[in-house]
Amino acid sequence: MEAIIHGLVLAFGLILPLGVQNVFVFSQGATQPKLIRALPATFTAAVCDTFLILLAVFGLSTIVLQFEWLRISLMIAGILFLVYMGYVIWKSKPVVNESNNALPSRQQIIFALSVSLLNPHAILDTIGVIGTSALKYVGKEQVFFTIACITVSWIWFFGLTVAGSIMKKVDSTGGLMKIFNKFSALFIWGTSIYLLIGLT
């Protein structure tokens, strides 16, 4: 029971802060004409988190944290993707009266992959914090801990998508979503600048 509670609290604490991944998933729920059309981004983000959590529990953290060149490579790739994604979100138009100006499924998946697997902070947080915490448990307890972390991730991303969809219904003119898109793009660019400063 301790392992389950620990996993739930730890995963929620890591995923709750407003990050690029959360902003992107929420924005898809808000900009797609129907909730189901936003699911590619939701599923991709959740699957990526599941993948990172499993890698963390099985000890990949020791590999990532030991090789400086790998850390730098992840950060450079992440910066480039964030700059491009910020540009696309800045230019995107909110969906009004079911006119589909939203990202197609393929682009959703690519962007969700980039903000999940090419985000150094997400990788280091997930692998470093969850991986280190998992060392406390063995056998069944470690399995329960891992399942709890993964469950929180899936529930959170689906909740964000639904919240975005509700926001779209409240904001029928698309004005609020347009402001949110601008804010999201600025936040994403700000994150890329922060990562760039971290390289110097």
N, C-alpha and C. Protein backbone atom coordinates (compact mmCIF):
# COMPACT_ATOMS: atom_id res chain seq x y z
N MET A 1 0.84 -1.21 0.00
CA MET A 1 0.00 0.00 0.00
C MET A 1 0.87 1.26 0.00
N GLU A 2 1.96 1.20 0.75
CA GLU A 2 2.88 2.35 0.81
C GLU A 2 3.44 2.67 -0.56
N ALA A 3 3.79 1.61 -1.32
CA ALA A 3 4.37 1.79 -2.66
C ALA A 3 3.37 2.45 -3.60
N ILE A 4 2.08 2.07 -3.48
CA ILE A 4 1.04 2.63 -4.35
C ILE A 4 0.83 4.11 -4.05
N ILE A 5 0.71 4.44 -2.74
CA ILE A 5 0.52 5.83 -2.35
C ILE A 5 1.72 6.68 -2.75
N HIS A 6 2.92 6.14 -2.53
CA HIS A 6 4.15 6.84 -2.90
C HIS A 6 4.17 7.13 -4.40
N GLY A 7 3.83 6.12 -5.19
CA GLY A 7 3.83 6.27 -6.65
C GLY A 7 2.81 7.30 -7.11
N LEU A 8 1.61 7.28 -6.51
CA LEU A 8 0.56 8.23 -6.88
C LEU A 8 0.97 9.67 -6.58
N VAL A 9 1.47 9.88 -5.35
CA VAL A 9 1.85 11.23 -4.93
C VAL A 9 3.03 11.75 -5.73
N LEU A 10 4.04 10.90 -5.92
CA LEU A 10 5.24 11.30 -6.64
C LEU A 10 4.93 11.64 -8.10
N ALA A 11 4.19 10.79 -8.77
CA ALA A 11 3.85 11.02 -10.18
C ALA A 11 3.01 12.27 -10.35
N PHE A 12 2.05 12.47 -9.44
CA PHE A 12 1.20 13.66 -9.51
C PHE A 12 2.03 14.93 -9.29
N GLY A 13 2.97 14.85 -8.36
CA GLY A 13 3.82 16.01 -8.08
C GLY A 13 4.69 16.38 -9.26
N LEU A 14 5.15 15.37 -10.02
CA LEU A 14 6.00 15.64 -11.18
C LEU A 14 5.21 16.16 -12.37
N ILE A 15 4.00 15.65 -12.55
CA ILE A 15 3.24 15.96 -13.76
C ILE A 15 2.37 17.21 -13.61
N LEU A 16 2.09 17.62 -12.36
CA LEU A 16 1.17 18.73 -12.13
C LEU A 16 1.67 20.08 -12.63
N PRO A 17 2.96 20.44 -12.44
CA PRO A 17 3.41 21.78 -12.86
C PRO A 17 3.15 22.02 -14.35
N LEU A 18 2.85 23.29 -14.68
CA LEU A 18 2.57 23.67 -16.07
C LEU A 18 3.84 23.52 -16.90
N GLY A 19 3.87 22.49 -17.72
CA GLY A 19 5.03 22.23 -18.57
C GLY A 19 4.62 22.24 -20.02
N VAL A 20 5.59 22.16 -20.90
CA VAL A 20 5.32 22.18 -22.34
C VAL A 20 4.40 21.04 -22.74
N GLN A 21 4.64 19.88 -22.19
CA GLN A 21 3.84 18.70 -22.52
C GLN A 21 2.38 18.91 -22.12
N ASN A 22 2.15 19.43 -20.91
CA ASN A 22 0.78 19.69 -20.44
C ASN A 22 0.08 20.75 -21.28
N VAL A 23 0.80 21.81 -21.59
CA VAL A 23 0.24 22.90 -22.39
C VAL A 23 -0.19 22.38 -23.76
N PHE A 24 0.63 21.54 -24.37
CA PHE A 24 0.32 21.03 -25.71
C PHE A 24 -0.92 20.12 -25.69
N VAL A 25 -0.98 19.20 -24.73
CA VAL A 25 -2.13 18.28 -24.65
C VAL A 25 -3.42 19.08 -24.40
N PHE A 26 -3.37 20.04 -23.49
CA PHE A 26 -4.54 20.87 -23.21
C PHE A 26 -4.98 21.64 -24.45
N SER A 27 -4.01 22.20 -25.16
CA SER A 27 -4.34 23.00 -26.34
C SER A 27 -5.01 22.17 -27.43
N GLN A 28 -4.65 20.89 -27.53
CA GLN A 28 -5.28 20.04 -28.54
C GLN A 28 -6.74 19.76 -28.18
N GLY A 29 -7.00 19.56 -26.89
CA GLY A 29 -8.39 19.38 -26.48
C GLY A 29 -9.22 20.62 -26.78
N ALA A 30 -8.59 21.79 -26.71
CA ALA A 30 -9.30 23.05 -26.91
C ALA A 30 -9.42 23.45 -28.38
N THR A 31 -8.53 22.96 -29.23
CA THR A 31 -8.54 23.42 -30.62
C THR A 31 -9.13 22.42 -31.61
N GLN A 32 -9.25 21.17 -31.22
CA GLN A 32 -9.82 20.18 -32.14
C GLN A 32 -11.34 20.31 -32.18
N PRO A 33 -11.97 20.08 -33.34
CA PRO A 33 -13.43 20.23 -33.46
C PRO A 33 -14.21 19.24 -32.58
N LYS A 34 -13.63 18.05 -32.34
CA LYS A 34 -14.26 17.06 -31.47
C LYS A 34 -13.20 16.48 -30.54
N LEU A 35 -13.64 16.05 -29.36
CA LEU A 35 -12.72 15.52 -28.36
C LEU A 35 -11.91 14.35 -28.90
N ILE A 36 -12.56 13.49 -29.66
CA ILE A 36 -11.88 12.30 -30.18
C ILE A 36 -10.72 12.66 -31.11
N ARG A 37 -10.81 13.83 -31.76
CA ARG A 37 -9.76 14.26 -32.68
C ARG A 37 -8.48 14.67 -31.94
N ALA A 38 -8.60 14.92 -30.63
CA ALA A 38 -7.43 15.32 -29.83
C ALA A 38 -6.73 14.12 -29.21
N LEU A 39 -7.31 12.93 -29.35
CA LEU A 39 -6.76 11.75 -28.68
C LEU A 39 -5.37 11.32 -29.17
N PRO A 40 -4.99 11.57 -30.44
CA PRO A 40 -3.61 11.21 -30.83
C PRO A 40 -2.55 11.86 -29.94
N ALA A 41 -2.75 13.14 -29.61
CA ALA A 41 -1.80 13.83 -28.74
C ALA A 41 -1.86 13.25 -27.33
N THR A 42 -3.07 12.97 -26.85
CA THR A 42 -3.26 12.44 -25.50
C THR A 42 -2.60 11.08 -25.35
N PHE A 43 -2.90 10.18 -26.29
CA PHE A 43 -2.35 8.83 -26.24
C PHE A 43 -0.82 8.85 -26.36
N THR A 44 -0.32 9.68 -27.26
CA THR A 44 1.13 9.74 -27.48
C THR A 44 1.85 10.22 -26.23
N ALA A 45 1.34 11.28 -25.61
CA ALA A 45 1.95 11.80 -24.39
C ALA A 45 1.91 10.76 -23.27
N ALA A 46 0.79 10.08 -23.12
CA ALA A 46 0.65 9.08 -22.06
C ALA A 46 1.55 7.88 -22.31
N VAL A 47 1.64 7.44 -23.56
CA VAL A 47 2.50 6.30 -23.89
C VAL A 47 3.97 6.66 -23.67
N CYS A 48 4.35 7.89 -24.04
CA CYS A 48 5.74 8.33 -23.84
C CYS A 48 6.08 8.38 -22.36
N ASP A 49 5.15 8.88 -21.54
CA ASP A 49 5.38 8.92 -20.10
C ASP A 49 5.52 7.51 -19.53
N THR A 50 4.67 6.61 -20.02
CA THR A 50 4.75 5.21 -19.59
C THR A 50 6.11 4.62 -19.94
N PHE A 51 6.57 4.92 -21.15
CA PHE A 51 7.87 4.44 -21.62
C PHE A 51 9.00 4.96 -20.73
N LEU A 52 8.96 6.26 -20.43
CA LEU A 52 10.00 6.87 -19.59
C LEU A 52 9.98 6.33 -18.16
N ILE A 53 8.78 6.11 -17.64
CA ILE A 53 8.66 5.57 -16.28
C ILE A 53 9.24 4.17 -16.21
N LEU A 54 8.93 3.35 -17.21
CA LEU A 54 9.46 1.99 -17.23
C LEU A 54 10.98 1.99 -17.35
N LEU A 55 11.50 2.88 -18.20
CA LEU A 55 12.95 3.00 -18.33
C LEU A 55 13.58 3.46 -17.01
N ALA A 56 12.88 4.37 -16.34
CA ALA A 56 13.39 4.89 -15.07
C ALA A 56 13.49 3.78 -14.03
N VAL A 57 12.43 3.00 -13.93
CA VAL A 57 12.39 1.93 -12.93
C VAL A 57 13.46 0.87 -13.22
N PHE A 58 13.72 0.66 -14.50
CA PHE A 58 14.72 -0.36 -14.85
C PHE A 58 16.14 0.19 -14.92
N GLY A 59 16.32 1.42 -14.43
CA GLY A 59 17.67 1.92 -14.19
C GLY A 59 18.38 2.65 -15.30
N LEU A 60 17.64 3.19 -16.28
CA LEU A 60 18.31 3.93 -17.35
C LEU A 60 18.91 5.24 -16.84
N SER A 61 18.44 5.69 -15.67
CA SER A 61 18.93 6.95 -15.12
C SER A 61 20.44 6.95 -14.97
N THR A 62 21.01 5.81 -14.65
CA THR A 62 22.46 5.73 -14.48
C THR A 62 23.18 6.00 -15.80
N ILE A 63 22.57 5.61 -16.92
CA ILE A 63 23.18 5.82 -18.23
C ILE A 63 23.11 7.29 -18.63
N VAL A 64 21.88 7.86 -18.53
CA VAL A 64 21.68 9.25 -18.95
C VAL A 64 22.52 10.22 -18.13
N LEU A 65 22.55 10.01 -16.83
CA LEU A 65 23.23 10.95 -15.94
C LEU A 65 24.75 10.82 -15.97
N GLN A 66 25.28 9.73 -16.50
CA GLN A 66 26.73 9.52 -16.52
C GLN A 66 27.40 10.09 -17.75
N PHE A 67 26.66 10.23 -18.85
CA PHE A 67 27.25 10.67 -20.10
C PHE A 67 26.85 12.11 -20.42
N GLU A 68 27.82 13.02 -20.31
CA GLU A 68 27.55 14.45 -20.54
C GLU A 68 27.13 14.72 -21.97
N TRP A 69 27.74 14.03 -22.94
CA TRP A 69 27.42 14.27 -24.35
C TRP A 69 25.96 13.90 -24.66
N LEU A 70 25.44 12.88 -23.96
CA LEU A 70 24.05 12.47 -24.17
C LEU A 70 23.10 13.53 -23.63
N ARG A 71 23.43 14.09 -22.47
CA ARG A 71 22.61 15.14 -21.87
C ARG A 71 22.57 16.37 -22.77
N ILE A 72 23.75 16.78 -23.30
CA ILE A 72 23.84 17.95 -24.17
C ILE A 72 23.08 17.72 -25.48
N SER A 73 23.22 16.52 -26.05
CA SER A 73 22.51 16.19 -27.29
C SER A 73 21.00 16.27 -27.11
N LEU A 74 20.51 15.76 -25.99
CA LEU A 74 19.07 15.82 -25.69
C LEU A 74 18.60 17.27 -25.58
N MET A 75 19.41 18.09 -24.94
CA MET A 75 19.03 19.49 -24.75
C MET A 75 19.00 20.26 -26.07
N ILE A 76 19.99 20.04 -26.94
CA ILE A 76 20.03 20.73 -28.23
C ILE A 76 18.83 20.33 -29.10
N ALA A 77 18.56 19.03 -29.16
CA ALA A 77 17.41 18.55 -29.94
C ALA A 77 16.12 19.11 -29.37
N GLY A 78 16.02 19.15 -28.05
CA GLY A 78 14.83 19.68 -27.41
C GLY A 78 14.61 21.15 -27.71
N ILE A 79 15.67 21.93 -27.69
CA ILE A 79 15.59 23.36 -27.98
C ILE A 79 15.06 23.61 -29.40
N LEU A 80 15.60 22.90 -30.37
CA LEU A 80 15.19 23.06 -31.76
C LEU A 80 13.71 22.72 -31.96
N PHE A 81 13.26 21.62 -31.36
CA PHE A 81 11.87 21.23 -31.49
C PHE A 81 10.94 22.23 -30.81
N LEU A 82 11.35 22.75 -29.65
CA LEU A 82 10.51 23.70 -28.93
C LEU A 82 10.35 25.00 -29.69
N VAL A 83 11.43 25.47 -30.33
CA VAL A 83 11.36 26.70 -31.12
C VAL A 83 10.36 26.53 -32.28
N TYR A 84 10.46 25.39 -32.97
CA TYR A 84 9.57 25.13 -34.10
C TYR A 84 8.12 24.96 -33.64
N MET A 85 7.91 24.22 -32.55
CA MET A 85 6.56 23.99 -32.07
C MET A 85 5.91 25.28 -31.59
N GLY A 86 6.71 26.15 -30.95
CA GLY A 86 6.19 27.44 -30.51
C GLY A 86 5.70 28.26 -31.69
N TYR A 87 6.44 28.21 -32.80
CA TYR A 87 6.06 28.95 -34.01
C TYR A 87 4.72 28.44 -34.57
N VAL A 88 4.58 27.12 -34.62
CA VAL A 88 3.35 26.53 -35.16
C VAL A 88 2.14 26.88 -34.29
N ILE A 89 2.30 26.79 -32.97
CA ILE A 89 1.19 27.10 -32.06
C ILE A 89 0.84 28.59 -32.12
N TRP A 90 1.86 29.44 -32.24
CA TRP A 90 1.62 30.89 -32.36
C TRP A 90 0.77 31.20 -33.58
N LYS A 91 1.03 30.50 -34.68
CA LYS A 91 0.32 30.74 -35.94
C LYS A 91 -1.03 30.03 -36.02
N SER A 92 -1.25 29.04 -35.16
CA SER A 92 -2.48 28.25 -35.25
C SER A 92 -3.70 29.09 -34.88
N LYS A 93 -4.82 28.76 -35.50
CA LYS A 93 -6.07 29.48 -35.26
C LYS A 93 -7.04 28.59 -34.49
N PRO A 94 -7.78 29.15 -33.53
CA PRO A 94 -8.74 28.34 -32.78
C PRO A 94 -9.88 27.88 -33.66
N VAL A 95 -10.47 26.74 -33.28
CA VAL A 95 -11.59 26.20 -34.03
C VAL A 95 -12.87 26.93 -33.65
N VAL A 96 -13.52 27.50 -34.64
CA VAL A 96 -14.79 28.20 -34.40
C VAL A 96 -15.82 27.66 -35.39
N ASN A 97 -16.99 27.31 -34.87
CA ASN A 97 -18.07 26.77 -35.71
C ASN A 97 -17.62 25.57 -36.53
N GLU A 98 -16.85 24.71 -35.89
CA GLU A 98 -16.42 23.43 -36.45
C GLU A 98 -15.53 23.56 -37.68
N SER A 99 -14.96 24.73 -37.96
CA SER A 99 -14.01 24.83 -39.08
C SER A 99 -12.68 24.33 -38.58
N ASN A 100 -12.12 23.34 -39.24
CA ASN A 100 -10.96 22.64 -38.71
C ASN A 100 -9.65 23.30 -39.14
N ASN A 101 -9.12 24.15 -38.24
CA ASN A 101 -7.80 24.71 -38.44
C ASN A 101 -6.80 24.07 -37.49
N ALA A 102 -7.22 22.99 -36.83
CA ALA A 102 -6.40 22.34 -35.81
C ALA A 102 -5.35 21.43 -36.45
N LEU A 103 -4.40 21.02 -35.63
CA LEU A 103 -3.33 20.15 -36.11
C LEU A 103 -3.88 18.78 -36.51
N PRO A 104 -3.42 18.23 -37.63
CA PRO A 104 -3.83 16.88 -38.01
C PRO A 104 -3.19 15.84 -37.08
N SER A 105 -3.70 14.62 -37.11
CA SER A 105 -3.24 13.57 -36.20
C SER A 105 -1.73 13.35 -36.27
N ARG A 106 -1.20 13.32 -37.49
CA ARG A 106 0.23 13.04 -37.64
C ARG A 106 1.08 14.11 -36.95
N GLN A 107 0.69 15.37 -37.12
CA GLN A 107 1.45 16.46 -36.50
C GLN A 107 1.30 16.44 -34.98
N GLN A 108 0.11 16.09 -34.52
CA GLN A 108 -0.10 15.95 -33.08
C GLN A 108 0.86 14.93 -32.48
N ILE A 109 0.98 13.80 -33.16
CA ILE A 109 1.84 12.71 -32.66
C ILE A 109 3.30 13.14 -32.66
N ILE A 110 3.73 13.80 -33.74
CA ILE A 110 5.12 14.25 -33.84
C ILE A 110 5.44 15.25 -32.73
N PHE A 111 4.56 16.23 -32.54
CA PHE A 111 4.80 17.24 -31.51
C PHE A 111 4.74 16.63 -30.11
N ALA A 112 3.78 15.73 -29.89
CA ALA A 112 3.67 15.09 -28.58
C ALA A 112 4.92 14.25 -28.28
N LEU A 113 5.44 13.60 -29.30
CA LEU A 113 6.68 12.83 -29.14
C LEU A 113 7.84 13.76 -28.79
N SER A 114 7.90 14.90 -29.48
CA SER A 114 9.02 15.83 -29.27
C SER A 114 9.00 16.43 -27.87
N VAL A 115 7.82 16.86 -27.40
CA VAL A 115 7.76 17.49 -26.07
C VAL A 115 7.87 16.47 -24.95
N SER A 116 7.68 15.19 -25.29
CA SER A 116 7.78 14.14 -24.27
C SER A 116 9.17 13.51 -24.22
N LEU A 117 9.71 13.19 -25.40
CA LEU A 117 10.97 12.45 -25.44
C LEU A 117 12.19 13.33 -25.71
N LEU A 118 11.95 14.58 -26.16
CA LEU A 118 13.08 15.48 -26.42
C LEU A 118 13.06 16.66 -25.44
N ASN A 119 12.39 16.47 -24.34
CA ASN A 119 12.33 17.48 -23.28
C ASN A 119 13.27 17.05 -22.15
N PRO A 120 14.45 17.66 -22.08
CA PRO A 120 15.45 17.22 -21.08
C PRO A 120 14.92 17.24 -19.65
N HIS A 121 14.12 18.26 -19.32
CA HIS A 121 13.60 18.34 -17.95
C HIS A 121 12.66 17.18 -17.65
N ALA A 122 11.79 16.85 -18.62
CA ALA A 122 10.86 15.74 -18.42
C ALA A 122 11.62 14.43 -18.26
N ILE A 123 12.64 14.25 -19.09
CA ILE A 123 13.43 13.02 -19.03
C ILE A 123 14.18 12.90 -17.71
N LEU A 124 14.88 13.98 -17.33
CA LEU A 124 15.67 13.94 -16.11
C LEU A 124 14.79 13.84 -14.87
N ASP A 125 13.63 14.52 -14.89
CA ASP A 125 12.71 14.44 -13.75
C ASP A 125 12.16 13.02 -13.61
N THR A 126 11.66 12.50 -14.73
CA THR A 126 11.05 11.18 -14.69
C THR A 126 12.07 10.09 -14.36
N ILE A 127 13.17 10.10 -15.10
CA ILE A 127 14.18 9.06 -14.89
C ILE A 127 14.91 9.25 -13.56
N GLY A 128 15.28 10.51 -13.28
CA GLY A 128 16.03 10.77 -12.06
C GLY A 128 15.22 10.57 -10.80
N VAL A 129 14.04 11.22 -10.72
CA VAL A 129 13.23 11.17 -9.50
C VAL A 129 12.52 9.83 -9.33
N ILE A 130 11.79 9.41 -10.37
CA ILE A 130 11.06 8.15 -10.26
C ILE A 130 12.02 6.97 -10.21
N GLY A 131 13.08 7.04 -11.03
CA GLY A 131 14.06 5.95 -11.03
C GLY A 131 14.74 5.79 -9.68
N THR A 132 15.09 6.91 -9.08
CA THR A 132 15.73 6.87 -7.76
C THR A 132 14.76 6.36 -6.69
N SER A 133 13.52 6.84 -6.75
CA SER A 133 12.51 6.42 -5.76
C SER A 133 12.18 4.94 -5.88
N ALA A 134 12.22 4.43 -7.11
CA ALA A 134 11.88 3.02 -7.33
C ALA A 134 12.90 2.08 -6.68
N LEU A 135 14.11 2.59 -6.44
CA LEU A 135 15.14 1.75 -5.83
C LEU A 135 14.77 1.33 -4.41
N LYS A 136 13.81 2.04 -3.84
CA LYS A 136 13.38 1.73 -2.48
C LYS A 136 12.60 0.43 -2.42
N TYR A 137 12.03 0.03 -3.57
CA TYR A 137 11.15 -1.14 -3.58
C TYR A 137 11.73 -2.28 -4.41
N VAL A 138 11.28 -3.47 -4.11
CA VAL A 138 11.67 -4.66 -4.87
C VAL A 138 10.43 -5.53 -5.09
N GLY A 139 10.50 -6.38 -6.09
CA GLY A 139 9.43 -7.34 -6.35
C GLY A 139 8.08 -6.71 -6.60
N LYS A 140 7.05 -7.20 -5.91
CA LYS A 140 5.67 -6.73 -6.11
C LYS A 140 5.52 -5.25 -5.77
N GLU A 141 6.21 -4.81 -4.72
CA GLU A 141 6.10 -3.41 -4.31
C GLU A 141 6.59 -2.48 -5.42
N GLN A 142 7.65 -2.88 -6.10
CA GLN A 142 8.16 -2.06 -7.20
C GLN A 142 7.17 -2.04 -8.36
N VAL A 143 6.52 -3.17 -8.61
CA VAL A 143 5.51 -3.25 -9.67
C VAL A 143 4.33 -2.33 -9.34
N PHE A 144 3.85 -2.38 -8.08
CA PHE A 144 2.73 -1.52 -7.66
C PHE A 144 3.11 -0.05 -7.77
N PHE A 145 4.33 0.28 -7.39
CA PHE A 145 4.82 1.66 -7.47
C PHE A 145 4.80 2.14 -8.93
N THR A 146 5.28 1.29 -9.81
CA THR A 146 5.34 1.64 -11.24
C THR A 146 3.95 1.81 -11.83
N ILE A 147 3.04 0.89 -11.51
CA ILE A 147 1.66 0.96 -12.01
C ILE A 147 0.97 2.24 -11.52
N ALA A 148 1.22 2.60 -10.27
CA ALA A 148 0.61 3.82 -9.71
C ALA A 148 1.08 5.06 -10.46
N CYS A 149 2.38 5.13 -10.76
CA CYS A 149 2.93 6.27 -11.50
C CYS A 149 2.33 6.36 -12.90
N ILE A 150 2.22 5.22 -13.56
CA ILE A 150 1.69 5.18 -14.92
C ILE A 150 0.20 5.55 -14.93
N THR A 151 -0.55 5.08 -13.95
CA THR A 151 -1.99 5.36 -13.86
C THR A 151 -2.24 6.86 -13.73
N VAL A 152 -1.47 7.51 -12.86
CA VAL A 152 -1.61 8.97 -12.69
C VAL A 152 -1.38 9.69 -14.01
N SER A 153 -0.36 9.26 -14.74
CA SER A 153 -0.01 9.88 -16.02
C SER A 153 -1.17 9.82 -17.01
N TRP A 154 -1.75 8.63 -17.18
CA TRP A 154 -2.84 8.46 -18.14
C TRP A 154 -4.08 9.26 -17.73
N ILE A 155 -4.44 9.22 -16.46
CA ILE A 155 -5.61 9.97 -15.99
C ILE A 155 -5.40 11.47 -16.18
N TRP A 156 -4.19 11.94 -15.89
CA TRP A 156 -3.89 13.37 -16.00
C TRP A 156 -4.02 13.87 -17.43
N PHE A 157 -3.43 13.14 -18.38
CA PHE A 157 -3.45 13.60 -19.77
C PHE A 157 -4.86 13.57 -20.36
N PHE A 158 -5.64 12.55 -20.02
CA PHE A 158 -7.03 12.52 -20.49
C PHE A 158 -7.83 13.65 -19.85
N GLY A 159 -7.54 13.93 -18.57
CA GLY A 159 -8.21 15.04 -17.89
C GLY A 159 -7.89 16.38 -18.52
N LEU A 160 -6.64 16.57 -18.91
CA LEU A 160 -6.24 17.82 -19.58
C LEU A 160 -6.97 17.99 -20.91
N THR A 161 -7.09 16.89 -21.65
CA THR A 161 -7.77 16.94 -22.95
C THR A 161 -9.24 17.32 -22.78
N VAL A 162 -9.88 16.71 -21.80
CA VAL A 162 -11.29 17.01 -21.53
C VAL A 162 -11.44 18.46 -21.08
N ALA A 163 -10.52 18.94 -20.22
CA ALA A 163 -10.56 20.33 -19.74
C ALA A 163 -10.43 21.30 -20.91
N GLY A 164 -9.55 20.98 -21.86
CA GLY A 164 -9.39 21.81 -23.04
C GLY A 164 -10.65 21.84 -23.88
N SER A 165 -11.30 20.69 -24.00
CA SER A 165 -12.53 20.59 -24.78
C SER A 165 -13.65 21.41 -24.13
N ILE A 166 -13.71 21.39 -22.81
CA ILE A 166 -14.72 22.18 -22.08
C ILE A 166 -14.47 23.67 -22.27
N MET A 167 -13.19 24.05 -22.24
CA MET A 167 -12.83 25.45 -22.43
C MET A 167 -13.28 25.95 -23.80
N LYS A 168 -13.16 25.08 -24.80
CA LYS A 168 -13.57 25.47 -26.16
C LYS A 168 -15.07 25.75 -26.22
N LYS A 169 -15.86 24.96 -25.49
CA LYS A 169 -17.31 25.15 -25.49
C LYS A 169 -17.70 26.45 -24.78
N VAL A 170 -16.96 26.76 -23.71
CA VAL A 170 -17.22 28.00 -22.98
C VAL A 170 -16.82 29.21 -23.82
N ASP A 171 -15.72 29.06 -24.56
CA ASP A 171 -15.17 30.14 -25.39
C ASP A 171 -15.61 29.93 -26.83
N SER A 172 -16.86 30.17 -27.12
CA SER A 172 -17.42 29.88 -28.44
C SER A 172 -16.85 30.75 -29.55
N THR A 173 -16.34 31.94 -29.21
CA THR A 173 -15.80 32.84 -30.24
C THR A 173 -14.36 32.50 -30.60
N GLY A 174 -13.69 31.75 -29.74
CA GLY A 174 -12.29 31.41 -30.00
C GLY A 174 -11.31 32.47 -29.52
N GLY A 175 -11.81 33.58 -28.97
CA GLY A 175 -10.92 34.65 -28.52
C GLY A 175 -10.02 34.25 -27.38
N LEU A 176 -10.60 33.55 -26.37
CA LEU A 176 -9.82 33.11 -25.22
C LEU A 176 -8.76 32.10 -25.63
N MET A 177 -9.14 31.21 -26.56
CA MET A 177 -8.19 30.19 -27.01
C MET A 177 -7.06 30.81 -27.81
N LYS A 178 -7.37 31.86 -28.54
CA LYS A 178 -6.32 32.55 -29.30
C LYS A 178 -5.28 33.14 -28.35
N ILE A 179 -5.76 33.73 -27.25
CA ILE A 179 -4.85 34.27 -26.24
C ILE A 179 -4.04 33.15 -25.61
N PHE A 180 -4.71 32.02 -25.34
CA PHE A 180 -4.02 30.87 -24.75
C PHE A 180 -2.94 30.35 -25.68
N ASN A 181 -3.23 30.31 -26.98
CA ASN A 181 -2.22 29.86 -27.96
C ASN A 181 -0.99 30.76 -27.92
N LYS A 182 -1.21 32.07 -27.85
CA LYS A 182 -0.08 33.02 -27.80
C LYS A 182 0.73 32.79 -26.52
N PHE A 183 0.01 32.63 -25.41
CA PHE A 183 0.67 32.38 -24.14
C PHE A 183 1.47 31.08 -24.19
N SER A 184 0.86 30.05 -24.78
CA SER A 184 1.52 28.75 -24.89
C SER A 184 2.81 28.86 -25.70
N ALA A 185 2.74 29.57 -26.82
CA ALA A 185 3.92 29.74 -27.67
C ALA A 185 5.02 30.49 -26.93
N LEU A 186 4.65 31.55 -26.22
CA LEU A 186 5.64 32.32 -25.45
C LEU A 186 6.25 31.46 -24.35
N PHE A 187 5.42 30.64 -23.70
CA PHE A 187 5.91 29.76 -22.66
C PHE A 187 6.90 28.74 -23.23
N ILE A 188 6.56 28.19 -24.39
CA ILE A 188 7.42 27.20 -25.03
C ILE A 188 8.75 27.84 -25.46
N TRP A 189 8.69 29.05 -26.03
CA TRP A 189 9.92 29.75 -26.42
C TRP A 189 10.75 30.10 -25.18
N GLY A 190 10.06 30.48 -24.10
CA GLY A 190 10.76 30.79 -22.87
C GLY A 190 11.49 29.57 -22.33
N THR A 191 10.84 28.40 -22.44
CA THR A 191 11.48 27.15 -22.01
C THR A 191 12.71 26.85 -22.84
N SER A 192 12.63 27.10 -24.16
CA SER A 192 13.77 26.84 -25.03
C SER A 192 14.94 27.77 -24.69
N ILE A 193 14.63 29.03 -24.35
CA ILE A 193 15.67 29.98 -23.95
C ILE A 193 16.33 29.54 -22.64
N TYR A 194 15.49 29.06 -21.71
CA TYR A 194 16.00 28.58 -20.43
C TYR A 194 16.95 27.40 -20.63
N LEU A 195 16.58 26.50 -21.54
CA LEU A 195 17.42 25.34 -21.84
C LEU A 195 18.73 25.79 -22.50
N LEU A 196 18.61 26.79 -23.38
CA LEU A 196 19.82 27.31 -24.06
C LEU A 196 20.78 27.92 -23.06
N ILE A 197 20.25 28.68 -22.10
CA ILE A 197 21.11 29.27 -21.06
C ILE A 197 21.80 28.17 -20.25
N GLY A 198 21.08 27.06 -20.05
CA GLY A 198 21.64 25.95 -19.30
C GLY A 198 22.81 25.28 -20.00
N LEU A 199 22.90 25.48 -21.31
CA LEU A 199 24.02 24.90 -22.08
C LEU A 199 25.28 25.74 -21.97
N THR A 200 25.14 27.02 -21.65
CA THR A 200 26.30 27.91 -21.61
C THR A 200 27.00 27.87 -20.25
